Amino acid sequence: MESAQAPIFSVNGTEIAPEAIAAEAQNHPSDNPDEAWSEAARALAIKTLLLEEADRLSIEAPLIDDAQGRTLAPDDARIEALLEQEVTTPDADEETCRRYYDQHIDQFSSPDLVEASHILFAAPKDDQKRYAKAELSAIDTITELKDHPERFAALAETLSACPSAKQAGNLGQIGPGQTVEEFETFLFNLEPNQICPVPVKTRFGVHVVKAGRKISGETLPFEAMQTKIADYLEESSWRRAVAQYMKILVGKADILGFDIEGSEGLLVQ
């Protein structure tokens, strides 16, 4: 009985051994072995295609270091030289950078901050008895603070189950996304020095929340961000250009055993 013939993987007649794909798969960790194999196969196919193009154009390259200061392997250095020669993109001028800045101004604004304090009555949400008891304790504390708001620090030190109790309940400056959503929803809608009139329920327990000073966010000036914007735009432009270059090479190649259409991004990740 004849054994099944192993599948052939090749790029323009250059065969890629399954053993090489298996070794490359170690560089593409995945919970799915088939996915790791496929990613490795595509990566080797693309590398083979690029090295063949470097051969065709008689491109050689001295050993160079990557962005982390590591010396590139000879094949990787040749690919780097090939792309430098064949892929060109324009520099991002001031007008282009300014337009991006104006269209994405939110990216260059620091968020509003609120100084926050709280008293935490800790309880797991799935323990209804403990959570109800924590809520009643928070309600009693809020009632007391309505008449004696100056007692907040002392009550935090004696009642709060949070390490911030040692700082009179002070959590410091809080910005969007730094705490759980329920806590932020109430905190950011309080006036400075206002104590939330209702208990705030989160997965950590029930909180008595007090807002402190509010610090308005600031927009960073264009001049301070121009270099970073230019770097980002030029990097994005280069990635698109490399993907387009790879698409052209893939379209002209004779590839067996691989499906690398749409995989050009592997090269620039």
C-alpha atoms as a PDB file:
ATOM      1  CA  MET A   1       0.000   0.000   0.000  1.00  0.00           C
ATOM      2  CA  GLU A   2       1.473   3.369  -1.012  1.00  0.00           C
ATOM      3  CA  SER A   3       1.820   6.035   1.661  1.00  0.00           C
ATOM      4  CA  ALA A   4       0.040   9.340   1.146  1.00  0.00           C
ATOM      5  CA  GLN A   5       2.259  11.871  -0.544  1.00  0.00           C
ATOM      6  CA  ALA A   6       3.172  14.866   1.629  1.00  0.00           C
ATOM      7  CA  PRO A   7       1.683  18.135   0.423  1.00  0.00           C
ATOM      8  CA  ILE A   8       3.978  20.398  -1.568  1.00  0.00           C
ATOM      9  CA  PHE A   9       4.498  23.971  -0.443  1.00  0.00           C
ATOM     10  CA  SER A  10       6.380  26.148  -2.918  1.00  0.00           C
ATOM     11  CA  VAL A  11       6.833  29.692  -4.139  1.00  0.00           C
ATOM     12  CA  ASN A  12       7.847  30.047  -7.797  1.00  0.00           C
ATOM     13  CA  GLY A  13       9.207  26.522  -7.695  1.00  0.00           C
ATOM     14  CA  THR A  14      11.148  26.962  -4.439  1.00  0.00           C
ATOM     15  CA  GLU A  15       9.902  24.284  -2.065  1.00  0.00           C
ATOM     16  CA  ILE A  16       9.334  25.079   1.607  1.00  0.00           C
ATOM     17  CA  ALA A  17       9.718  22.015   3.798  1.00  0.00           C
ATOM     18  CA  PRO A  18       6.996  21.222   6.359  1.00  0.00           C
ATOM     19  CA  GLU A  19       9.798  20.988   8.935  1.00  0.00           C
ATOM     20  CA  ALA A  20      10.670  24.625   8.254  1.00  0.00           C
ATOM     21  CA  ILE A  21       7.039  25.626   8.714  1.00  0.00           C
ATOM     22  CA  ALA A  22       6.870  23.706  12.003  1.00  0.00           C
ATOM     23  CA  ALA A  23       9.975  25.518  13.247  1.00  0.00           C
ATOM     24  CA  GLU A  24       8.600  28.912  12.159  1.00  0.00           C
ATOM     25  CA  ALA A  25       5.310  28.192  13.953  1.00  0.00           C
ATOM     26  CA  GLN A  26       7.117  28.766  17.250  1.00  0.00           C
ATOM     27  CA  ASN A  27       7.221  32.459  16.289  1.00  0.00           C
ATOM     28  CA  HIS A  28       3.430  32.542  15.855  1.00  0.00           C
ATOM     29  CA  PRO A  29       1.982  31.422  19.221  1.00  0.00           C
ATOM     30  CA  SER A  30      -1.696  30.541  19.159  1.00  0.00           C
ATOM     31  CA  ASP A  31      -4.129  28.391  21.112  1.00  0.00           C
ATOM     32  CA  ASN A  32      -5.047  26.866  17.757  1.00  0.00           C
ATOM     33  CA  PRO A  33      -2.160  24.784  16.280  1.00  0.00           C
ATOM     34  CA  ASP A  34      -3.698  24.945  12.796  1.00  0.00           C
ATOM     35  CA  GLU A  35      -3.778  28.726  12.978  1.00  0.00           C
ATOM     36  CA  ALA A  36      -0.138  28.857  14.110  1.00  0.00           C
ATOM     37  CA  TRP A  37       0.827  26.550  11.227  1.00  0.00           C
ATOM     38  CA  SER A  38      -1.053  28.688   8.698  1.00  0.00           C
ATOM     39  CA  GLU A  39       0.503  31.918   9.958  1.00  0.00           C
ATOM     40  CA  ALA A  40       3.968  30.338   9.832  1.00  0.00           C
ATOM     41  CA  ALA A  41       3.400  29.004   6.320  1.00  0.00           C
ATOM     42  CA  ARG A  42       2.271  32.412   5.073  1.00  0.00           C
ATOM     43  CA  ALA A  43       5.206  34.156   6.750  1.00  0.00           C
ATOM     44  CA  LEU A  44       7.713  31.797   5.090  1.00  0.00           C
ATOM     45  CA  ALA A  45       5.995  32.121   1.726  1.00  0.00           C
ATOM     46  CA  ILE A  46       6.209  35.911   1.924  1.00  0.00           C
ATOM     47  CA  LYS A  47       9.856  35.785   3.040  1.00  0.00           C
ATOM     48  CA  THR A  48      10.713  33.439   0.181  1.00  0.00           C
ATOM     49  CA  LEU A  49       8.947  35.687  -2.302  1.00  0.00           C
ATOM     50  CA  LEU A  50      10.830  38.756  -1.076  1.00  0.00           C
ATOM     51  CA  LEU A  51      14.209  37.033  -1.121  1.00  0.00           C
ATOM     52  CA  GLU A  52      13.590  35.872  -4.690  1.00  0.00           C
ATOM     53  CA  GLU A  53      12.795  39.455  -5.631  1.00  0.00           C
ATOM     54  CA  ALA A  54      16.015  40.591  -3.937  1.00  0.00           C
ATOM     55  CA  ASP A  55      17.887  37.975  -5.991  1.00  0.00           C
ATOM     56  CA  ARG A  56      16.234  39.193  -9.180  1.00  0.00           C
ATOM     57  CA  LEU A  57      17.279  42.766  -8.448  1.00  0.00           C
ATOM     58  CA  SER A  58      20.785  41.693  -7.295  1.00  0.00           C
ATOM     59  CA  ILE A  59      20.249  43.319  -3.915  1.00  0.00           C
ATOM     60  CA  GLU A  60      22.858  42.650  -1.264  1.00  0.00           C
ATOM     61  CA  ALA A  61      22.974  44.273   2.141  1.00  0.00           C
ATOM     62  CA  PRO A  62      25.496  44.735   4.934  1.00  0.00           C
ATOM     63  CA  LEU A  63      24.510  43.583   8.397  1.00  0.00           C
ATOM     64  CA  ILE A  64      22.369  46.240  10.049  1.00  0.00           C
ATOM     65  CA  ASP A  65      20.676  46.657  13.422  1.00  0.00           C
ATOM     66  CA  ASP A  66      16.919  46.811  13.961  1.00  0.00           C
ATOM     67  CA  ALA A  67      15.100  49.397  16.063  1.00  0.00           C
ATOM     68  CA  GLN A  68      15.991  47.492  19.248  1.00  0.00           C
ATOM     69  CA  GLY A  69      19.703  47.432  18.387  1.00  0.00           C
ATOM     70  CA  ARG A  70      19.749  43.742  17.449  1.00  0.00           C
ATOM     71  CA  THR A  71      21.728  42.721  14.367  1.00  0.00           C
ATOM     72  CA  LEU A  72      19.414  41.494  11.622  1.00  0.00           C
ATOM     73  CA  ALA A  73      20.001  38.089  10.069  1.00  0.00           C
ATOM     74  CA  PRO A  74      21.472  38.330   6.525  1.00  0.00           C
ATOM     75  CA  ASP A  75      18.155  37.406   4.865  1.00  0.00           C
ATOM     76  CA  ASP A  76      16.268  39.966   6.942  1.00  0.00           C
ATOM     77  CA  ALA A  77      18.849  42.625   6.096  1.00  0.00           C
ATOM     78  CA  ARG A  78      18.371  41.906   2.373  1.00  0.00           C
ATOM     79  CA  ILE A  79      14.599  42.207   2.738  1.00  0.00           C
ATOM     80  CA  GLU A  80      15.077  45.500   4.557  1.00  0.00           C
ATOM     81  CA  ALA A  81      17.277  46.753   1.721  1.00  0.00           C
ATOM     82  CA  LEU A  82      14.764  45.552  -0.891  1.00  0.00           C
ATOM     83  CA  LEU A  83      11.915  47.436   0.726  1.00  0.00           C
ATOM     84  CA  GLU A  84      14.023  50.550   1.171  1.00  0.00           C
ATOM     85  CA  GLN A  85      14.801  50.508  -2.537  1.00  0.00           C
ATOM     86  CA  GLU A  86      11.403  49.518  -3.912  1.00  0.00           C
ATOM     87  CA  VAL A  87       8.942  51.160  -1.504  1.00  0.00           C
ATOM     88  CA  THR A  88       8.936  54.919  -1.248  1.00  0.00           C
ATOM     89  CA  THR A  89       6.472  57.118   0.589  1.00  0.00           C
ATOM     90  CA  PRO A  90       6.229  60.911   0.965  1.00  0.00           C
ATOM     91  CA  ASP A  91       7.214  62.734   4.130  1.00  0.00           C
ATOM     92  CA  ALA A  92       4.352  64.135   6.182  1.00  0.00           C
ATOM     93  CA  ASP A  93       4.625  67.907   5.734  1.00  0.00           C
ATOM     94  CA  GLU A  94       3.340  70.494   8.185  1.00  0.00           C
ATOM     95  CA  GLU A  95       0.049  70.976   6.333  1.00  0.00           C
ATOM     96  CA  THR A  96      -0.712  67.247   6.435  1.00  0.00           C
ATOM     97  CA  CYS A  97       0.186  67.035  10.113  1.00  0.00           C
ATOM     98  CA  ARG A  98      -1.915  70.089  10.922  1.00  0.00           C
ATOM     99  CA  ARG A  99      -4.922  68.613   9.132  1.00  0.00           C
ATOM    100  CA  TYR A 100      -4.601  65.361  11.102  1.00  0.00           C
ATOM    101  CA  TYR A 101      -4.236  67.327  14.342  1.00  0.00           C
ATOM    102  CA  ASP A 102      -7.382  69.367  13.672  1.00  0.00           C
ATOM    103  CA  GLN A 103      -9.402  66.284  12.687  1.00  0.00           C
ATOM    104  CA  HIS A 104      -8.320  64.289  15.776  1.00  0.00           C
ATOM    105  CA  ILE A 105      -8.072  67.031  18.367  1.00  0.00           C
ATOM    106  CA  ASP A 106      -9.531  64.769  21.079  1.00  0.00           C
ATOM    107  CA  GLN A 107      -6.425  62.588  20.861  1.00  0.00           C
ATOM    108  CA  PHE A 108      -4.279  65.528  21.926  1.00  0.00           C
ATOM    109  CA  SER A 109      -6.353  66.651  24.889  1.00  0.00           C
ATOM    110  CA  SER A 110      -5.658  65.512  28.417  1.00  0.00           C
ATOM    111  CA  PRO A 111      -8.823  64.308  30.212  1.00  0.00           C
ATOM    112  CA  ASP A 112     -10.650  66.150  32.953  1.00  0.00           C
ATOM    113  CA  LEU A 113      -9.616  64.958  36.408  1.00  0.00           C
ATOM    114  CA  VAL A 114     -11.515  64.894  39.683  1.00  0.00           C
ATOM    115  CA  GLU A 115     -10.009  64.542  43.128  1.00  0.00           C
ATOM    116  CA  ALA A 116     -11.978  61.715  44.720  1.00  0.00           C
ATOM    117  CA  SER A 117     -12.520  60.302  48.184  1.00  0.00           C
ATOM    118  CA  HIS A 118     -14.702  57.422  49.267  1.00  0.00           C
ATOM    119  CA  ILE A 119     -15.776  55.193  52.113  1.00  0.00           C
ATOM    120  CA  LEU A 120     -16.045  51.569  51.011  1.00  0.00           C
ATOM    121  CA  PHE A 121     -18.329  49.049  52.651  1.00  0.00           C
ATOM    122  CA  ALA A 122     -16.925  45.928  51.027  1.00  0.00           C
ATOM    123  CA  ALA A 123     -19.219  43.062  50.041  1.00  0.00           C
ATOM    124  CA  PRO A 124     -19.370  40.595  47.131  1.00  0.00           C
ATOM    125  CA  LYS A 125     -22.341  41.259  44.880  1.00  0.00           C
ATOM    126  CA  ASP A 126     -23.358  37.607  44.835  1.00  0.00           C
ATOM    127  CA  ASP A 127     -23.779  37.611  48.628  1.00  0.00           C
ATOM    128  CA  GLN A 128     -27.166  39.323  48.934  1.00  0.00           C
ATOM    129  CA  LYS A 129     -27.159  39.492  52.734  1.00  0.00           C
ATOM    130  CA  ARG A 130     -23.731  41.100  53.026  1.00  0.00           C
ATOM    131  CA  TYR A 131     -24.392  43.428  50.106  1.00  0.00           C
ATOM    132  CA  ALA A 132     -27.693  44.613  51.608  1.00  0.00           C
ATOM    133  CA  LYS A 133     -25.957  45.194  54.934  1.00  0.00           C
ATOM    134  CA  ALA A 134     -23.231  47.196  53.198  1.00  0.00           C
ATOM    135  CA  GLU A 135     -25.873  49.310  51.450  1.00  0.00           C
ATOM    136  CA  LEU A 136     -27.626  50.075  54.756  1.00  0.00           C
ATOM    137  CA  SER A 137     -24.282  51.077  56.303  1.00  0.00           C
ATOM    138  CA  ALA A 138     -23.618  53.410  53.369  1.00  0.00           C
ATOM    139  CA  ILE A 139     -27.087  54.974  53.712  1.00  0.00           C
ATOM    140  CA  ASP A 140     -26.547  55.544  57.453  1.00  0.00           C
ATOM    141  CA  THR A 141     -23.170  57.155  56.754  1.00  0.00           C
ATOM    142  CA  ILE A 142     -24.604  59.446  54.074  1.00  0.00           C
ATOM    143  CA  THR A 143     -27.377  60.480  56.481  1.00  0.00           C
ATOM    144  CA  GLU A 144     -24.804  61.400  59.123  1.00  0.00           C
ATOM    145  CA  LEU A 145     -22.687  63.306  56.610  1.00  0.00           C
ATOM    146  CA  LYS A 146     -25.647  65.410  55.480  1.00  0.00           C
ATOM    147  CA  ASP A 147     -25.607  67.091  58.866  1.00  0.00           C
ATOM    148  CA  HIS A 148     -21.860  66.787  59.514  1.00  0.00           C
ATOM    149  CA  PRO A 149     -19.917  66.731  56.223  1.00  0.00           C
ATOM    150  CA  GLU A 150     -16.743  67.637  58.122  1.00  0.00           C
ATOM    151  CA  ARG A 151     -16.729  64.099  59.580  1.00  0.00           C
ATOM    152  CA  PHE A 152     -16.018  62.466  56.205  1.00  0.00           C
ATOM    153  CA  ALA A 153     -12.281  62.001  56.819  1.00  0.00           C
ATOM    154  CA  ALA A 154     -12.770  60.556  60.297  1.00  0.00           C
ATOM    155  CA  LEU A 155     -15.509  58.178  59.143  1.00  0.00           C
ATOM    156  CA  ALA A 156     -13.381  57.028  56.221  1.00  0.00           C
ATOM    157  CA  GLU A 157     -10.514  56.225  58.568  1.00  0.00           C
ATOM    158  CA  THR A 158     -12.720  54.156  60.866  1.00  0.00           C
ATOM    159  CA  LEU A 159     -15.251  52.591  58.485  1.00  0.00           C
ATOM    160  CA  SER A 160     -13.699  52.194  55.014  1.00  0.00           C
ATOM    161  CA  ALA A 161     -12.506  48.756  53.914  1.00  0.00           C
ATOM    162  CA  CYS A 162     -10.194  50.342  51.318  1.00  0.00           C
ATOM    163  CA  PRO A 163      -6.455  50.991  51.902  1.00  0.00           C
ATOM    164  CA  SER A 164      -7.278  54.639  51.160  1.00  0.00           C
ATOM    165  CA  ALA A 165      -8.779  54.760  54.672  1.00  0.00           C
ATOM    166  CA  LYS A 166      -5.267  55.600  55.883  1.00  0.00           C
ATOM    167  CA  GLN A 167      -5.453  58.754  53.751  1.00  0.00           C
ATOM    168  CA  ALA A 168      -8.920  59.729  55.010  1.00  0.00           C
ATOM    169  CA  GLY A 169     -10.470  57.983  52.006  1.00  0.00           C
ATOM    170  CA  ASN A 170      -8.496  60.057  49.474  1.00  0.00           C
ATOM    171  CA  LEU A 171      -8.062  58.284  46.118  1.00  0.00           C
ATOM    172  CA  GLY A 172      -6.171  61.121  44.455  1.00  0.00           C
ATOM    173  CA  GLN A 173      -6.983  62.448  41.000  1.00  0.00           C
ATOM    174  CA  ILE A 174      -9.260  60.192  38.941  1.00  0.00           C
ATOM    175  CA  GLY A 175      -9.561  60.357  35.163  1.00  0.00           C
ATOM    176  CA  PRO A 176     -11.893  58.556  32.764  1.00  0.00           C
ATOM    177  CA  GLY A 177     -11.326  54.816  32.651  1.00  0.00           C
ATOM    178  CA  GLN A 178      -9.299  54.638  35.865  1.00  0.00           C
ATOM    179  CA  THR A 179     -12.066  53.173  38.024  1.00  0.00           C
ATOM    180  CA  VAL A 180     -15.193  51.113  37.432  1.00  0.00           C
ATOM    181  CA  GLU A 181     -17.909  52.721  35.315  1.00  0.00           C
ATOM    182  CA  GLU A 182     -20.541  52.995  38.070  1.00  0.00           C
ATOM    183  CA  PHE A 183     -18.127  54.872  40.343  1.00  0.00           C
ATOM    184  CA  GLU A 184     -17.099  57.290  37.587  1.00  0.00           C
ATOM    185  CA  THR A 185     -20.674  57.962  36.495  1.00  0.00           C
ATOM    186  CA  PHE A 186     -21.515  59.426  39.888  1.00  0.00           C
ATOM    187  CA  LEU A 187     -18.126  60.993  40.611  1.00  0.00           C
ATOM    188  CA  PHE A 188     -17.890  63.043  37.413  1.00  0.00           C
ATOM    189  CA  ASN A 189     -21.392  64.452  37.929  1.00  0.00           C
ATOM    190  CA  LEU A 190     -20.748  65.772  41.427  1.00  0.00           C
ATOM    191  CA  GLU A 191     -19.860  69.374  42.203  1.00  0.00           C
ATOM    192  CA  PRO A 192     -16.550  70.084  43.970  1.00  0.00           C
ATOM    193  CA  ASN A 193     -16.737  69.048  47.643  1.00  0.00           C
ATOM    194  CA  GLN A 194     -20.158  67.442  47.128  1.00  0.00           C
ATOM    195  CA  ILE A 195     -20.940  64.098  48.757  1.00  0.00           C
ATOM    196  CA  CYS A 196     -23.001  61.796  46.565  1.00  0.00           C
ATOM    197  CA  PRO A 197     -26.542  61.697  48.027  1.00  0.00           C
ATOM    198  CA  VAL A 198     -26.996  57.992  47.238  1.00  0.00           C
ATOM    199  CA  PRO A 199     -24.817  54.919  47.766  1.00  0.00           C
ATOM    200  CA  VAL A 200     -22.720  53.911  44.761  1.00  0.00           C
ATOM    201  CA  LYS A 201     -22.852  50.178  44.080  1.00  0.00           C
ATOM    202  CA  THR A 202     -19.951  48.379  42.373  1.00  0.00           C
ATOM    203  CA  ARG A 203     -18.557  44.859  42.308  1.00  0.00           C
ATOM    204  CA  PHE A 204     -16.294  45.826  45.230  1.00  0.00           C
ATOM    205  CA  GLY A 205     -19.167  46.762  47.504  1.00  0.00           C
ATOM    206  CA  VAL A 206     -21.046  49.962  48.291  1.00  0.00           C
ATOM    207  CA  HIS A 207     -19.314  53.357  48.319  1.00  0.00           C
ATOM    208  CA  VAL A 208     -19.949  56.734  49.846  1.00  0.00           C
ATOM    209  CA  VAL A 209     -18.368  59.045  47.299  1.00  0.00           C
ATOM    210  CA  LYS A 210     -17.098  62.589  47.663  1.00  0.00           C
ATOM    211  CA  ALA A 211     -15.760  64.757  44.848  1.00  0.00           C
ATOM    212  CA  GLY A 212     -12.952  67.206  45.434  1.00  0.00           C
ATOM    213  CA  ARG A 213     -11.325  69.752  43.173  1.00  0.00           C
ATOM    214  CA  LYS A 214     -11.945  69.384  39.433  1.00  0.00           C
ATOM    215  CA  ILE A 215      -9.029  69.886  37.036  1.00  0.00           C
ATOM    216  CA  SER A 216     -10.010  70.663  33.470  1.00  0.00           C
ATOM    217  CA  GLY A 217      -8.143  68.895  30.701  1.00  0.00           C
ATOM    218  CA  GLU A 218      -5.814  70.800  28.404  1.00  0.00           C
ATOM    219  CA  THR A 219      -5.209  70.522  24.688  1.00  0.00           C
ATOM    220  CA  LEU A 220      -1.564  69.926  23.799  1.00  0.00           C
ATOM    221  CA  PRO A 221      -0.328  72.472  21.227  1.00  0.00           C
ATOM    222  CA  PHE A 222       0.267  71.373  17.642  1.00  0.00           C
ATOM    223  CA  GLU A 223       3.929  72.374  17.844  1.00  0.00           C
ATOM    224  CA  ALA A 224       4.498  69.879  20.659  1.00  0.00           C
ATOM    225  CA  MET A 225       2.834  67.057  18.741  1.00  0.00           C
ATOM    226  CA  GLN A 226       3.946  67.684  15.143  1.00  0.00           C
ATOM    227  CA  THR A 227       6.918  65.298  15.226  1.00  0.00           C
ATOM    228  CA  LYS A 228       4.862  62.456  16.738  1.00  0.00           C
ATOM    229  CA  ILE A 229       2.066  63.019  14.226  1.00  0.00           C
ATOM    230  CA  ALA A 230       4.550  62.988  11.339  1.00  0.00           C
ATOM    231  CA  ASP A 231       6.105  59.748  12.603  1.00  0.00           C
ATOM    232  CA  TYR A 232       2.682  58.134  12.884  1.00  0.00           C
ATOM    233  CA  LEU A 233       1.513  59.259   9.440  1.00  0.00           C
ATOM    234  CA  GLU A 234       4.734  58.209   7.752  1.00  0.00           C
ATOM    235  CA  GLU A 235       4.686  54.804   9.460  1.00  0.00           C
ATOM    236  CA  SER A 236       1.062  54.267   8.430  1.00  0.00           C
ATOM    237  CA  SER A 237       1.835  55.329   4.863  1.00  0.00           C
ATOM    238  CA  TRP A 238       4.820  52.976   4.716  1.00  0.00           C
ATOM    239  CA  ARG A 239       2.757  50.033   5.974  1.00  0.00           C
ATOM    240  CA  ARG A 240       0.102  50.638   3.322  1.00  0.00           C
ATOM    241  CA  ALA A 241       2.746  50.948   0.615  1.00  0.00           C
ATOM    242  CA  VAL A 242       4.463  47.709   1.684  1.00  0.00           C
ATOM    243  CA  ALA A 243       1.115  45.896   1.725  1.00  0.00           C
ATOM    244  CA  GLN A 244       0.414  47.154  -1.805  1.00  0.00           C
ATOM    245  CA  TYR A 245       3.895  46.134  -2.976  1.00  0.00           C
ATOM    246  CA  MET A 246       3.392  42.658  -1.512  1.00  0.00           C
ATOM    247  CA  LYS A 247      -0.010  42.377  -3.169  1.00  0.00           C
ATOM    248  CA  ILE A 248       1.612  43.002  -6.551  1.00  0.00           C
ATOM    249  CA  LEU A 249       4.333  40.384  -5.921  1.00  0.00           C
ATOM    250  CA  VAL A 250       1.802  37.819  -4.696  1.00  0.00           C
ATOM    251  CA  GLY A 251      -0.369  38.437  -7.738  1.00  0.00           C
ATOM    252  CA  LYS A 252       2.498  37.611 -10.086  1.00  0.00           C
ATOM    253  CA  ALA A 253       3.831  34.603  -8.134  1.00  0.00           C
ATOM    254  CA  ASP A 254       3.245  30.881  -8.682  1.00  0.00           C
ATOM    255  CA  ILE A 255       2.327  29.686  -5.210  1.00  0.00           C
ATOM    256  CA  LEU A 256       1.411  26.096  -4.274  1.00  0.00           C
ATOM    257  CA  GLY A 257       0.014  24.936  -0.937  1.00  0.00           C
ATOM    258  CA  PHE A 258      -0.378  28.429   0.526  1.00  0.00           C
ATOM    259  CA  ASP A 259      -3.219  30.900   0.726  1.00  0.00           C
ATOM    260  CA  ILE A 260      -1.445  34.194   1.272  1.00  0.00           C
ATOM    261  CA  GLU A 261      -3.933  36.533  -0.362  1.00  0.00           C
ATOM    262  CA  GLY A 262      -4.623  39.288   2.136  1.00  0.00           C
ATOM    263  CA  SER A 263      -1.675  38.244   4.297  1.00  0.00           C
ATOM    264  CA  GLU A 264       0.661  41.014   3.210  1.00  0.00           C
ATOM    265  CA  GLY A 265       0.283  42.615   6.633  1.00  0.00           C
ATOM    266  CA  LEU A 266       2.313  39.804   8.179  1.00  0.00           C
ATOM    267  CA  LEU A 267       5.401  41.548   6.899  1.00  0.00           C
ATOM    268  CA  VAL A 268       4.756  44.832   8.668  1.00  0.00           C
ATOM    269  CA  GLN A 269       3.192  43.831  11.960  1.00  0.00           C
END
